[in-house]
Amino acid sequence: YDLTVVFLQREEKGRLWKIKDKELN
């Protein structure tokens, strides 16, 4: 599908993971 995901924020306080932009392909 022609998919677009709208995220409300890049990270959340208390979350341990860090997502890099290159992982969002």
PDBML (XML) file of the C-alpha atoms, coordinates in Angstrom:
<?xml version="1.0" encoding="UTF-8" ?>
<PDBx:datablock datablockName="MODEL"
   xmlns:PDBx="http://pdbml.pdb.org/schema/pdbx-v50.xsd"
   xmlns:xsi="http://www.w3.org/2001/XMLSchema-instance"
   xsi:schemaLocation="http://pdbml.pdb.org/schema/pdbx-v50.xsd pdbx-v50.xsd">
   <PDBx:atom_siteCategory>
      <PDBx:atom_site id="1">
         <PDBx:B_iso_or_equiv>0.00</PDBx:B_iso_or_equiv>
         <PDBx:Cartn_x>0.000</PDBx:Cartn_x>
         <PDBx:Cartn_y>0.000</PDBx:Cartn_y>
         <PDBx:Cartn_z>0.000</PDBx:Cartn_z>
         <PDBx:auth_asym_id>A</PDBx:auth_asym_id>
         <PDBx:auth_atom_id>CA</PDBx:auth_atom_id>
         <PDBx:auth_comp_id>TYR</PDBx:auth_comp_id>
         <PDBx:auth_seq_id>1</PDBx:auth_seq_id>
         <PDBx:group_PDB>ATOM</PDBx:group_PDB>
         <PDBx:label_alt_id xsi:nil="true" />
         <PDBx:label_asym_id>A</PDBx:label_asym_id>
         <PDBx:label_atom_id>CA</PDBx:label_atom_id>
         <PDBx:label_comp_id>TYR</PDBx:label_comp_id>
         <PDBx:label_entity_id>1</PDBx:label_entity_id>
         <PDBx:label_seq_id>1</PDBx:label_seq_id>
         <PDBx:occupancy>1.00</PDBx:occupancy>
         <PDBx:pdbx_PDB_model_num>1</PDBx:pdbx_PDB_model_num>
         <PDBx:type_symbol>C</PDBx:type_symbol>
      </PDBx:atom_site>
      <PDBx:atom_site id="2">
         <PDBx:B_iso_or_equiv>0.00</PDBx:B_iso_or_equiv>
         <PDBx:Cartn_x>0.929</PDBx:Cartn_x>
         <PDBx:Cartn_y>3.644</PDBx:Cartn_y>
         <PDBx:Cartn_z>-0.293</PDBx:Cartn_z>
         <PDBx:auth_asym_id>A</PDBx:auth_asym_id>
         <PDBx:auth_atom_id>CA</PDBx:auth_atom_id>
         <PDBx:auth_comp_id>ASP</PDBx:auth_comp_id>
         <PDBx:auth_seq_id>2</PDBx:auth_seq_id>
         <PDBx:group_PDB>ATOM</PDBx:group_PDB>
         <PDBx:label_alt_id xsi:nil="true" />
         <PDBx:label_asym_id>A</PDBx:label_asym_id>
         <PDBx:label_atom_id>CA</PDBx:label_atom_id>
         <PDBx:label_comp_id>ASP</PDBx:label_comp_id>
         <PDBx:label_entity_id>1</PDBx:label_entity_id>
         <PDBx:label_seq_id>2</PDBx:label_seq_id>
         <PDBx:occupancy>1.00</PDBx:occupancy>
         <PDBx:pdbx_PDB_model_num>1</PDBx:pdbx_PDB_model_num>
         <PDBx:type_symbol>C</PDBx:type_symbol>
      </PDBx:atom_site>
      <PDBx:atom_site id="3">
         <PDBx:B_iso_or_equiv>0.00</PDBx:B_iso_or_equiv>
         <PDBx:Cartn_x>1.514</PDBx:Cartn_x>
         <PDBx:Cartn_y>3.934</PDBx:Cartn_y>
         <PDBx:Cartn_z>3.460</PDBx:Cartn_z>
         <PDBx:auth_asym_id>A</PDBx:auth_asym_id>
         <PDBx:auth_atom_id>CA</PDBx:auth_atom_id>
         <PDBx:auth_comp_id>LEU</PDBx:auth_comp_id>
         <PDBx:auth_seq_id>3</PDBx:auth_seq_id>
         <PDBx:group_PDB>ATOM</PDBx:group_PDB>
         <PDBx:label_alt_id xsi:nil="true" />
         <PDBx:label_asym_id>A</PDBx:label_asym_id>
         <PDBx:label_atom_id>CA</PDBx:label_atom_id>
         <PDBx:label_comp_id>LEU</PDBx:label_comp_id>
         <PDBx:label_entity_id>1</PDBx:label_entity_id>
         <PDBx:label_seq_id>3</PDBx:label_seq_id>
         <PDBx:occupancy>1.00</PDBx:occupancy>
         <PDBx:pdbx_PDB_model_num>1</PDBx:pdbx_PDB_model_num>
         <PDBx:type_symbol>C</PDBx:type_symbol>
      </PDBx:atom_site>
      <PDBx:atom_site id="4">
         <PDBx:B_iso_or_equiv>0.00</PDBx:B_iso_or_equiv>
         <PDBx:Cartn_x>2.211</PDBx:Cartn_x>
         <PDBx:Cartn_y>7.027</PDBx:Cartn_y>
         <PDBx:Cartn_z>5.533</PDBx:Cartn_z>
         <PDBx:auth_asym_id>A</PDBx:auth_asym_id>
         <PDBx:auth_atom_id>CA</PDBx:auth_atom_id>
         <PDBx:auth_comp_id>THR</PDBx:auth_comp_id>
         <PDBx:auth_seq_id>4</PDBx:auth_seq_id>
         <PDBx:group_PDB>ATOM</PDBx:group_PDB>
         <PDBx:label_alt_id xsi:nil="true" />
         <PDBx:label_asym_id>A</PDBx:label_asym_id>
         <PDBx:label_atom_id>CA</PDBx:label_atom_id>
         <PDBx:label_comp_id>THR</PDBx:label_comp_id>
         <PDBx:label_entity_id>1</PDBx:label_entity_id>
         <PDBx:label_seq_id>4</PDBx:label_seq_id>
         <PDBx:occupancy>1.00</PDBx:occupancy>
         <PDBx:pdbx_PDB_model_num>1</PDBx:pdbx_PDB_model_num>
         <PDBx:type_symbol>C</PDBx:type_symbol>
      </PDBx:atom_site>
      <PDBx:atom_site id="5">
         <PDBx:B_iso_or_equiv>0.00</PDBx:B_iso_or_equiv>
         <PDBx:Cartn_x>2.607</PDBx:Cartn_x>
         <PDBx:Cartn_y>6.805</PDBx:Cartn_y>
         <PDBx:Cartn_z>9.305</PDBx:Cartn_z>
         <PDBx:auth_asym_id>A</PDBx:auth_asym_id>
         <PDBx:auth_atom_id>CA</PDBx:auth_atom_id>
         <PDBx:auth_comp_id>VAL</PDBx:auth_comp_id>
         <PDBx:auth_seq_id>5</PDBx:auth_seq_id>
         <PDBx:group_PDB>ATOM</PDBx:group_PDB>
         <PDBx:label_alt_id xsi:nil="true" />
         <PDBx:label_asym_id>A</PDBx:label_asym_id>
         <PDBx:label_atom_id>CA</PDBx:label_atom_id>
         <PDBx:label_comp_id>VAL</PDBx:label_comp_id>
         <PDBx:label_entity_id>1</PDBx:label_entity_id>
         <PDBx:label_seq_id>5</PDBx:label_seq_id>
         <PDBx:occupancy>1.00</PDBx:occupancy>
         <PDBx:pdbx_PDB_model_num>1</PDBx:pdbx_PDB_model_num>
         <PDBx:type_symbol>C</PDBx:type_symbol>
      </PDBx:atom_site>
      <PDBx:atom_site id="6">
         <PDBx:B_iso_or_equiv>0.00</PDBx:B_iso_or_equiv>
         <PDBx:Cartn_x>2.119</PDBx:Cartn_x>
         <PDBx:Cartn_y>9.949</PDBx:Cartn_y>
         <PDBx:Cartn_z>11.396</PDBx:Cartn_z>
         <PDBx:auth_asym_id>A</PDBx:auth_asym_id>
         <PDBx:auth_atom_id>CA</PDBx:auth_atom_id>
         <PDBx:auth_comp_id>VAL</PDBx:auth_comp_id>
         <PDBx:auth_seq_id>6</PDBx:auth_seq_id>
         <PDBx:group_PDB>ATOM</PDBx:group_PDB>
         <PDBx:label_alt_id xsi:nil="true" />
         <PDBx:label_asym_id>A</PDBx:label_asym_id>
         <PDBx:label_atom_id>CA</PDBx:label_atom_id>
         <PDBx:label_comp_id>VAL</PDBx:label_comp_id>
         <PDBx:label_entity_id>1</PDBx:label_entity_id>
         <PDBx:label_seq_id>6</PDBx:label_seq_id>
         <PDBx:occupancy>1.00</PDBx:occupancy>
         <PDBx:pdbx_PDB_model_num>1</PDBx:pdbx_PDB_model_num>
         <PDBx:type_symbol>C</PDBx:type_symbol>
      </PDBx:atom_site>
      <PDBx:atom_site id="7">
         <PDBx:B_iso_or_equiv>0.00</PDBx:B_iso_or_equiv>
         <PDBx:Cartn_x>3.917</PDBx:Cartn_x>
         <PDBx:Cartn_y>9.723</PDBx:Cartn_y>
         <PDBx:Cartn_z>14.734</PDBx:Cartn_z>
         <PDBx:auth_asym_id>A</PDBx:auth_asym_id>
         <PDBx:auth_atom_id>CA</PDBx:auth_atom_id>
         <PDBx:auth_comp_id>PHE</PDBx:auth_comp_id>
         <PDBx:auth_seq_id>7</PDBx:auth_seq_id>
         <PDBx:group_PDB>ATOM</PDBx:group_PDB>
         <PDBx:label_alt_id xsi:nil="true" />
         <PDBx:label_asym_id>A</PDBx:label_asym_id>
         <PDBx:label_atom_id>CA</PDBx:label_atom_id>
         <PDBx:label_comp_id>PHE</PDBx:label_comp_id>
         <PDBx:label_entity_id>1</PDBx:label_entity_id>
         <PDBx:label_seq_id>7</PDBx:label_seq_id>
         <PDBx:occupancy>1.00</PDBx:occupancy>
         <PDBx:pdbx_PDB_model_num>1</PDBx:pdbx_PDB_model_num>
         <PDBx:type_symbol>C</PDBx:type_symbol>
      </PDBx:atom_site>
      <PDBx:atom_site id="8">
         <PDBx:B_iso_or_equiv>0.00</PDBx:B_iso_or_equiv>
         <PDBx:Cartn_x>2.916</PDBx:Cartn_x>
         <PDBx:Cartn_y>11.999</PDBx:Cartn_y>
         <PDBx:Cartn_z>17.585</PDBx:Cartn_z>
         <PDBx:auth_asym_id>A</PDBx:auth_asym_id>
         <PDBx:auth_atom_id>CA</PDBx:auth_atom_id>
         <PDBx:auth_comp_id>LEU</PDBx:auth_comp_id>
         <PDBx:auth_seq_id>8</PDBx:auth_seq_id>
         <PDBx:group_PDB>ATOM</PDBx:group_PDB>
         <PDBx:label_alt_id xsi:nil="true" />
         <PDBx:label_asym_id>A</PDBx:label_asym_id>
         <PDBx:label_atom_id>CA</PDBx:label_atom_id>
         <PDBx:label_comp_id>LEU</PDBx:label_comp_id>
         <PDBx:label_entity_id>1</PDBx:label_entity_id>
         <PDBx:label_seq_id>8</PDBx:label_seq_id>
         <PDBx:occupancy>1.00</PDBx:occupancy>
         <PDBx:pdbx_PDB_model_num>1</PDBx:pdbx_PDB_model_num>
         <PDBx:type_symbol>C</PDBx:type_symbol>
      </PDBx:atom_site>
      <PDBx:atom_site id="9">
         <PDBx:B_iso_or_equiv>0.00</PDBx:B_iso_or_equiv>
         <PDBx:Cartn_x>6.458</PDBx:Cartn_x>
         <PDBx:Cartn_y>12.088</PDBx:Cartn_y>
         <PDBx:Cartn_z>18.979</PDBx:Cartn_z>
         <PDBx:auth_asym_id>A</PDBx:auth_asym_id>
         <PDBx:auth_atom_id>CA</PDBx:auth_atom_id>
         <PDBx:auth_comp_id>GLN</PDBx:auth_comp_id>
         <PDBx:auth_seq_id>9</PDBx:auth_seq_id>
         <PDBx:group_PDB>ATOM</PDBx:group_PDB>
         <PDBx:label_alt_id xsi:nil="true" />
         <PDBx:label_asym_id>A</PDBx:label_asym_id>
         <PDBx:label_atom_id>CA</PDBx:label_atom_id>
         <PDBx:label_comp_id>GLN</PDBx:label_comp_id>
         <PDBx:label_entity_id>1</PDBx:label_entity_id>
         <PDBx:label_seq_id>9</PDBx:label_seq_id>
         <PDBx:occupancy>1.00</PDBx:occupancy>
         <PDBx:pdbx_PDB_model_num>1</PDBx:pdbx_PDB_model_num>
         <PDBx:type_symbol>C</PDBx:type_symbol>
      </PDBx:atom_site>
      <PDBx:atom_site id="10">
         <PDBx:B_iso_or_equiv>0.00</PDBx:B_iso_or_equiv>
         <PDBx:Cartn_x>9.916</PDBx:Cartn_x>
         <PDBx:Cartn_y>10.742</PDBx:Cartn_y>
         <PDBx:Cartn_z>18.214</PDBx:Cartn_z>
         <PDBx:auth_asym_id>A</PDBx:auth_asym_id>
         <PDBx:auth_atom_id>CA</PDBx:auth_atom_id>
         <PDBx:auth_comp_id>ARG</PDBx:auth_comp_id>
         <PDBx:auth_seq_id>10</PDBx:auth_seq_id>
         <PDBx:group_PDB>ATOM</PDBx:group_PDB>
         <PDBx:label_alt_id xsi:nil="true" />
         <PDBx:label_asym_id>A</PDBx:label_asym_id>
         <PDBx:label_atom_id>CA</PDBx:label_atom_id>
         <PDBx:label_comp_id>ARG</PDBx:label_comp_id>
         <PDBx:label_entity_id>1</PDBx:label_entity_id>
         <PDBx:label_seq_id>10</PDBx:label_seq_id>
         <PDBx:occupancy>1.00</PDBx:occupancy>
         <PDBx:pdbx_PDB_model_num>1</PDBx:pdbx_PDB_model_num>
         <PDBx:type_symbol>C</PDBx:type_symbol>
      </PDBx:atom_site>
      <PDBx:atom_site id="11">
         <PDBx:B_iso_or_equiv>0.00</PDBx:B_iso_or_equiv>
         <PDBx:Cartn_x>10.537</PDBx:Cartn_x>
         <PDBx:Cartn_y>9.190</PDBx:Cartn_y>
         <PDBx:Cartn_z>21.627</PDBx:Cartn_z>
         <PDBx:auth_asym_id>A</PDBx:auth_asym_id>
         <PDBx:auth_atom_id>CA</PDBx:auth_atom_id>
         <PDBx:auth_comp_id>GLU</PDBx:auth_comp_id>
         <PDBx:auth_seq_id>11</PDBx:auth_seq_id>
         <PDBx:group_PDB>ATOM</PDBx:group_PDB>
         <PDBx:label_alt_id xsi:nil="true" />
         <PDBx:label_asym_id>A</PDBx:label_asym_id>
         <PDBx:label_atom_id>CA</PDBx:label_atom_id>
         <PDBx:label_comp_id>GLU</PDBx:label_comp_id>
         <PDBx:label_entity_id>1</PDBx:label_entity_id>
         <PDBx:label_seq_id>11</PDBx:label_seq_id>
         <PDBx:occupancy>1.00</PDBx:occupancy>
         <PDBx:pdbx_PDB_model_num>1</PDBx:pdbx_PDB_model_num>
         <PDBx:type_symbol>C</PDBx:type_symbol>
      </PDBx:atom_site>
      <PDBx:atom_site id="12">
         <PDBx:B_iso_or_equiv>0.00</PDBx:B_iso_or_equiv>
         <PDBx:Cartn_x>8.866</PDBx:Cartn_x>
         <PDBx:Cartn_y>8.989</PDBx:Cartn_y>
         <PDBx:Cartn_z>24.988</PDBx:Cartn_z>
         <PDBx:auth_asym_id>A</PDBx:auth_asym_id>
         <PDBx:auth_atom_id>CA</PDBx:auth_atom_id>
         <PDBx:auth_comp_id>GLU</PDBx:auth_comp_id>
         <PDBx:auth_seq_id>12</PDBx:auth_seq_id>
         <PDBx:group_PDB>ATOM</PDBx:group_PDB>
         <PDBx:label_alt_id xsi:nil="true" />
         <PDBx:label_asym_id>A</PDBx:label_asym_id>
         <PDBx:label_atom_id>CA</PDBx:label_atom_id>
         <PDBx:label_comp_id>GLU</PDBx:label_comp_id>
         <PDBx:label_entity_id>1</PDBx:label_entity_id>
         <PDBx:label_seq_id>12</PDBx:label_seq_id>
         <PDBx:occupancy>1.00</PDBx:occupancy>
         <PDBx:pdbx_PDB_model_num>1</PDBx:pdbx_PDB_model_num>
         <PDBx:type_symbol>C</PDBx:type_symbol>
      </PDBx:atom_site>
      <PDBx:atom_site id="13">
         <PDBx:B_iso_or_equiv>0.00</PDBx:B_iso_or_equiv>
         <PDBx:Cartn_x>10.409</PDBx:Cartn_x>
         <PDBx:Cartn_y>9.538</PDBx:Cartn_y>
         <PDBx:Cartn_z>28.399</PDBx:Cartn_z>
         <PDBx:auth_asym_id>A</PDBx:auth_asym_id>
         <PDBx:auth_atom_id>CA</PDBx:auth_atom_id>
         <PDBx:auth_comp_id>LYS</PDBx:auth_comp_id>
         <PDBx:auth_seq_id>13</PDBx:auth_seq_id>
         <PDBx:group_PDB>ATOM</PDBx:group_PDB>
         <PDBx:label_alt_id xsi:nil="true" />
         <PDBx:label_asym_id>A</PDBx:label_asym_id>
         <PDBx:label_atom_id>CA</PDBx:label_atom_id>
         <PDBx:label_comp_id>LYS</PDBx:label_comp_id>
         <PDBx:label_entity_id>1</PDBx:label_entity_id>
         <PDBx:label_seq_id>13</PDBx:label_seq_id>
         <PDBx:occupancy>1.00</PDBx:occupancy>
         <PDBx:pdbx_PDB_model_num>1</PDBx:pdbx_PDB_model_num>
         <PDBx:type_symbol>C</PDBx:type_symbol>
      </PDBx:atom_site>
      <PDBx:atom_site id="14">
         <PDBx:B_iso_or_equiv>0.00</PDBx:B_iso_or_equiv>
         <PDBx:Cartn_x>11.002</PDBx:Cartn_x>
         <PDBx:Cartn_y>6.217</PDBx:Cartn_y>
         <PDBx:Cartn_z>30.111</PDBx:Cartn_z>
         <PDBx:auth_asym_id>A</PDBx:auth_asym_id>
         <PDBx:auth_atom_id>CA</PDBx:auth_atom_id>
         <PDBx:auth_comp_id>GLY</PDBx:auth_comp_id>
         <PDBx:auth_seq_id>14</PDBx:auth_seq_id>
         <PDBx:group_PDB>ATOM</PDBx:group_PDB>
         <PDBx:label_alt_id xsi:nil="true" />
         <PDBx:label_asym_id>A</PDBx:label_asym_id>
         <PDBx:label_atom_id>CA</PDBx:label_atom_id>
         <PDBx:label_comp_id>GLY</PDBx:label_comp_id>
         <PDBx:label_entity_id>1</PDBx:label_entity_id>
         <PDBx:label_seq_id>14</PDBx:label_seq_id>
         <PDBx:occupancy>1.00</PDBx:occupancy>
         <PDBx:pdbx_PDB_model_num>1</PDBx:pdbx_PDB_model_num>
         <PDBx:type_symbol>C</PDBx:type_symbol>
      </PDBx:atom_site>
      <PDBx:atom_site id="15">
         <PDBx:B_iso_or_equiv>0.00</PDBx:B_iso_or_equiv>
         <PDBx:Cartn_x>11.312</PDBx:Cartn_x>
         <PDBx:Cartn_y>4.183</PDBx:Cartn_y>
         <PDBx:Cartn_z>26.885</PDBx:Cartn_z>
         <PDBx:auth_asym_id>A</PDBx:auth_asym_id>
         <PDBx:auth_atom_id>CA</PDBx:auth_atom_id>
         <PDBx:auth_comp_id>ARG</PDBx:auth_comp_id>
         <PDBx:auth_seq_id>15</PDBx:auth_seq_id>
         <PDBx:group_PDB>ATOM</PDBx:group_PDB>
         <PDBx:label_alt_id xsi:nil="true" />
         <PDBx:label_asym_id>A</PDBx:label_asym_id>
         <PDBx:label_atom_id>CA</PDBx:label_atom_id>
         <PDBx:label_comp_id>ARG</PDBx:label_comp_id>
         <PDBx:label_entity_id>1</PDBx:label_entity_id>
         <PDBx:label_seq_id>15</PDBx:label_seq_id>
         <PDBx:occupancy>1.00</PDBx:occupancy>
         <PDBx:pdbx_PDB_model_num>1</PDBx:pdbx_PDB_model_num>
         <PDBx:type_symbol>C</PDBx:type_symbol>
      </PDBx:atom_site>
      <PDBx:atom_site id="16">
         <PDBx:B_iso_or_equiv>0.00</PDBx:B_iso_or_equiv>
         <PDBx:Cartn_x>14.705</PDBx:Cartn_x>
         <PDBx:Cartn_y>2.563</PDBx:Cartn_y>
         <PDBx:Cartn_z>26.465</PDBx:Cartn_z>
         <PDBx:auth_asym_id>A</PDBx:auth_asym_id>
         <PDBx:auth_atom_id>CA</PDBx:auth_atom_id>
         <PDBx:auth_comp_id>LEU</PDBx:auth_comp_id>
         <PDBx:auth_seq_id>16</PDBx:auth_seq_id>
         <PDBx:group_PDB>ATOM</PDBx:group_PDB>
         <PDBx:label_alt_id xsi:nil="true" />
         <PDBx:label_asym_id>A</PDBx:label_asym_id>
         <PDBx:label_atom_id>CA</PDBx:label_atom_id>
         <PDBx:label_comp_id>LEU</PDBx:label_comp_id>
         <PDBx:label_entity_id>1</PDBx:label_entity_id>
         <PDBx:label_seq_id>16</PDBx:label_seq_id>
         <PDBx:occupancy>1.00</PDBx:occupancy>
         <PDBx:pdbx_PDB_model_num>1</PDBx:pdbx_PDB_model_num>
         <PDBx:type_symbol>C</PDBx:type_symbol>
      </PDBx:atom_site>
      <PDBx:atom_site id="17">
         <PDBx:B_iso_or_equiv>0.00</PDBx:B_iso_or_equiv>
         <PDBx:Cartn_x>14.740</PDBx:Cartn_x>
         <PDBx:Cartn_y>2.128</PDBx:Cartn_y>
         <PDBx:Cartn_z>22.690</PDBx:Cartn_z>
         <PDBx:auth_asym_id>A</PDBx:auth_asym_id>
         <PDBx:auth_atom_id>CA</PDBx:auth_atom_id>
         <PDBx:auth_comp_id>TRP</PDBx:auth_comp_id>
         <PDBx:auth_seq_id>17</PDBx:auth_seq_id>
         <PDBx:group_PDB>ATOM</PDBx:group_PDB>
         <PDBx:label_alt_id xsi:nil="true" />
         <PDBx:label_asym_id>A</PDBx:label_asym_id>
         <PDBx:label_atom_id>CA</PDBx:label_atom_id>
         <PDBx:label_comp_id>TRP</PDBx:label_comp_id>
         <PDBx:label_entity_id>1</PDBx:label_entity_id>
         <PDBx:label_seq_id>17</PDBx:label_seq_id>
         <PDBx:occupancy>1.00</PDBx:occupancy>
         <PDBx:pdbx_PDB_model_num>1</PDBx:pdbx_PDB_model_num>
         <PDBx:type_symbol>C</PDBx:type_symbol>
      </PDBx:atom_site>
      <PDBx:atom_site id="18">
         <PDBx:B_iso_or_equiv>0.00</PDBx:B_iso_or_equiv>
         <PDBx:Cartn_x>16.150</PDBx:Cartn_x>
         <PDBx:Cartn_y>4.625</PDBx:Cartn_y>
         <PDBx:Cartn_z>20.214</PDBx:Cartn_z>
         <PDBx:auth_asym_id>A</PDBx:auth_asym_id>
         <PDBx:auth_atom_id>CA</PDBx:auth_atom_id>
         <PDBx:auth_comp_id>LYS</PDBx:auth_comp_id>
         <PDBx:auth_seq_id>18</PDBx:auth_seq_id>
         <PDBx:group_PDB>ATOM</PDBx:group_PDB>
         <PDBx:label_alt_id xsi:nil="true" />
         <PDBx:label_asym_id>A</PDBx:label_asym_id>
         <PDBx:label_atom_id>CA</PDBx:label_atom_id>
         <PDBx:label_comp_id>LYS</PDBx:label_comp_id>
         <PDBx:label_entity_id>1</PDBx:label_entity_id>
         <PDBx:label_seq_id>18</PDBx:label_seq_id>
         <PDBx:occupancy>1.00</PDBx:occupancy>
         <PDBx:pdbx_PDB_model_num>1</PDBx:pdbx_PDB_model_num>
         <PDBx:type_symbol>C</PDBx:type_symbol>
      </PDBx:atom_site>
      <PDBx:atom_site id="19">
         <PDBx:B_iso_or_equiv>0.00</PDBx:B_iso_or_equiv>
         <PDBx:Cartn_x>14.882</PDBx:Cartn_x>
         <PDBx:Cartn_y>4.416</PDBx:Cartn_y>
         <PDBx:Cartn_z>16.638</PDBx:Cartn_z>
         <PDBx:auth_asym_id>A</PDBx:auth_asym_id>
         <PDBx:auth_atom_id>CA</PDBx:auth_atom_id>
         <PDBx:auth_comp_id>ILE</PDBx:auth_comp_id>
         <PDBx:auth_seq_id>19</PDBx:auth_seq_id>
         <PDBx:group_PDB>ATOM</PDBx:group_PDB>
         <PDBx:label_alt_id xsi:nil="true" />
         <PDBx:label_asym_id>A</PDBx:label_asym_id>
         <PDBx:label_atom_id>CA</PDBx:label_atom_id>
         <PDBx:label_comp_id>ILE</PDBx:label_comp_id>
         <PDBx:label_entity_id>1</PDBx:label_entity_id>
         <PDBx:label_seq_id>19</PDBx:label_seq_id>
         <PDBx:occupancy>1.00</PDBx:occupancy>
         <PDBx:pdbx_PDB_model_num>1</PDBx:pdbx_PDB_model_num>
         <PDBx:type_symbol>C</PDBx:type_symbol>
      </PDBx:atom_site>
      <PDBx:atom_site id="20">
         <PDBx:B_iso_or_equiv>0.00</PDBx:B_iso_or_equiv>
         <PDBx:Cartn_x>17.071</PDBx:Cartn_x>
         <PDBx:Cartn_y>5.897</PDBx:Cartn_y>
         <PDBx:Cartn_z>13.897</PDBx:Cartn_z>
         <PDBx:auth_asym_id>A</PDBx:auth_asym_id>
         <PDBx:auth_atom_id>CA</PDBx:auth_atom_id>
         <PDBx:auth_comp_id>LYS</PDBx:auth_comp_id>
         <PDBx:auth_seq_id>20</PDBx:auth_seq_id>
         <PDBx:group_PDB>ATOM</PDBx:group_PDB>
         <PDBx:label_alt_id xsi:nil="true" />
         <PDBx:label_asym_id>A</PDBx:label_asym_id>
         <PDBx:label_atom_id>CA</PDBx:label_atom_id>
         <PDBx:label_comp_id>LYS</PDBx:label_comp_id>
         <PDBx:label_entity_id>1</PDBx:label_entity_id>
         <PDBx:label_seq_id>20</PDBx:label_seq_id>
         <PDBx:occupancy>1.00</PDBx:occupancy>
         <PDBx:pdbx_PDB_model_num>1</PDBx:pdbx_PDB_model_num>
         <PDBx:type_symbol>C</PDBx:type_symbol>
      </PDBx:atom_site>
      <PDBx:atom_site id="21">
         <PDBx:B_iso_or_equiv>0.00</PDBx:B_iso_or_equiv>
         <PDBx:Cartn_x>15.485</PDBx:Cartn_x>
         <PDBx:Cartn_y>7.512</PDBx:Cartn_y>
         <PDBx:Cartn_z>10.834</PDBx:Cartn_z>
         <PDBx:auth_asym_id>A</PDBx:auth_asym_id>
         <PDBx:auth_atom_id>CA</PDBx:auth_atom_id>
         <PDBx:auth_comp_id>ASP</PDBx:auth_comp_id>
         <PDBx:auth_seq_id>21</PDBx:auth_seq_id>
         <PDBx:group_PDB>ATOM</PDBx:group_PDB>
         <PDBx:label_alt_id xsi:nil="true" />
         <PDBx:label_asym_id>A</PDBx:label_asym_id>
         <PDBx:label_atom_id>CA</PDBx:label_atom_id>
         <PDBx:label_comp_id>ASP</PDBx:label_comp_id>
         <PDBx:label_entity_id>1</PDBx:label_entity_id>
         <PDBx:label_seq_id>21</PDBx:label_seq_id>
         <PDBx:occupancy>1.00</PDBx:occupancy>
         <PDBx:pdbx_PDB_model_num>1</PDBx:pdbx_PDB_model_num>
         <PDBx:type_symbol>C</PDBx:type_symbol>
      </PDBx:atom_site>
      <PDBx:atom_site id="22">
         <PDBx:B_iso_or_equiv>0.00</PDBx:B_iso_or_equiv>
         <PDBx:Cartn_x>17.153</PDBx:Cartn_x>
         <PDBx:Cartn_y>4.983</PDBx:Cartn_y>
         <PDBx:Cartn_z>8.509</PDBx:Cartn_z>
         <PDBx:auth_asym_id>A</PDBx:auth_asym_id>
         <PDBx:auth_atom_id>CA</PDBx:auth_atom_id>
         <PDBx:auth_comp_id>LYS</PDBx:auth_comp_id>
         <PDBx:auth_seq_id>22</PDBx:auth_seq_id>
         <PDBx:group_PDB>ATOM</PDBx:group_PDB>
         <PDBx:label_alt_id xsi:nil="true" />
         <PDBx:label_asym_id>A</PDBx:label_asym_id>
         <PDBx:label_atom_id>CA</PDBx:label_atom_id>
         <PDBx:label_comp_id>LYS</PDBx:label_comp_id>
         <PDBx:label_entity_id>1</PDBx:label_entity_id>
         <PDBx:label_seq_id>22</PDBx:label_seq_id>
         <PDBx:occupancy>1.00</PDBx:occupancy>
         <PDBx:pdbx_PDB_model_num>1</PDBx:pdbx_PDB_model_num>
         <PDBx:type_symbol>C</PDBx:type_symbol>
      </PDBx:atom_site>
      <PDBx:atom_site id="23">
         <PDBx:B_iso_or_equiv>0.00</PDBx:B_iso_or_equiv>
         <PDBx:Cartn_x>15.166</PDBx:Cartn_x>
         <PDBx:Cartn_y>2.212</PDBx:Cartn_y>
         <PDBx:Cartn_z>10.248</PDBx:Cartn_z>
         <PDBx:auth_asym_id>A</PDBx:auth_asym_id>
         <PDBx:auth_atom_id>CA</PDBx:auth_atom_id>
         <PDBx:auth_comp_id>GLU</PDBx:auth_comp_id>
         <PDBx:auth_seq_id>23</PDBx:auth_seq_id>
         <PDBx:group_PDB>ATOM</PDBx:group_PDB>
         <PDBx:label_alt_id xsi:nil="true" />
         <PDBx:label_asym_id>A</PDBx:label_asym_id>
         <PDBx:label_atom_id>CA</PDBx:label_atom_id>
         <PDBx:label_comp_id>GLU</PDBx:label_comp_id>
         <PDBx:label_entity_id>1</PDBx:label_entity_id>
         <PDBx:label_seq_id>23</PDBx:label_seq_id>
         <PDBx:occupancy>1.00</PDBx:occupancy>
         <PDBx:pdbx_PDB_model_num>1</PDBx:pdbx_PDB_model_num>
         <PDBx:type_symbol>C</PDBx:type_symbol>
      </PDBx:atom_site>
      <PDBx:atom_site id="24">
         <PDBx:B_iso_or_equiv>0.00</PDBx:B_iso_or_equiv>
         <PDBx:Cartn_x>11.955</PDBx:Cartn_x>
         <PDBx:Cartn_y>3.930</PDBx:Cartn_y>
         <PDBx:Cartn_z>9.156</PDBx:Cartn_z>
         <PDBx:auth_asym_id>A</PDBx:auth_asym_id>
         <PDBx:auth_atom_id>CA</PDBx:auth_atom_id>
         <PDBx:auth_comp_id>LEU</PDBx:auth_comp_id>
         <PDBx:auth_seq_id>24</PDBx:auth_seq_id>
         <PDBx:group_PDB>ATOM</PDBx:group_PDB>
         <PDBx:label_alt_id xsi:nil="true" />
         <PDBx:label_asym_id>A</PDBx:label_asym_id>
         <PDBx:label_atom_id>CA</PDBx:label_atom_id>
         <PDBx:label_comp_id>LEU</PDBx:label_comp_id>
         <PDBx:label_entity_id>1</PDBx:label_entity_id>
         <PDBx:label_seq_id>24</PDBx:label_seq_id>
         <PDBx:occupancy>1.00</PDBx:occupancy>
         <PDBx:pdbx_PDB_model_num>1</PDBx:pdbx_PDB_model_num>
         <PDBx:type_symbol>C</PDBx:type_symbol>
      </PDBx:atom_site>
      <PDBx:atom_site id="25">
         <PDBx:B_iso_or_equiv>0.00</PDBx:B_iso_or_equiv>
         <PDBx:Cartn_x>12.111</PDBx:Cartn_x>
         <PDBx:Cartn_y>2.876</PDBx:Cartn_y>
         <PDBx:Cartn_z>5.512</PDBx:Cartn_z>
         <PDBx:auth_asym_id>A</PDBx:auth_asym_id>
         <PDBx:auth_atom_id>CA</PDBx:auth_atom_id>
         <PDBx:auth_comp_id>ASN</PDBx:auth_comp_id>
         <PDBx:auth_seq_id>25</PDBx:auth_seq_id>
         <PDBx:group_PDB>ATOM</PDBx:group_PDB>
         <PDBx:label_alt_id xsi:nil="true" />
         <PDBx:label_asym_id>A</PDBx:label_asym_id>
         <PDBx:label_atom_id>CA</PDBx:label_atom_id>
         <PDBx:label_comp_id>ASN</PDBx:label_comp_id>
         <PDBx:label_entity_id>1</PDBx:label_entity_id>
         <PDBx:label_seq_id>25</PDBx:label_seq_id>
         <PDBx:occupancy>1.00</PDBx:occupancy>
         <PDBx:pdbx_PDB_model_num>1</PDBx:pdbx_PDB_model_num>
         <PDBx:type_symbol>C</PDBx:type_symbol>
      </PDBx:atom_site>
   </PDBx:atom_siteCategory>
</PDBx:datablock>
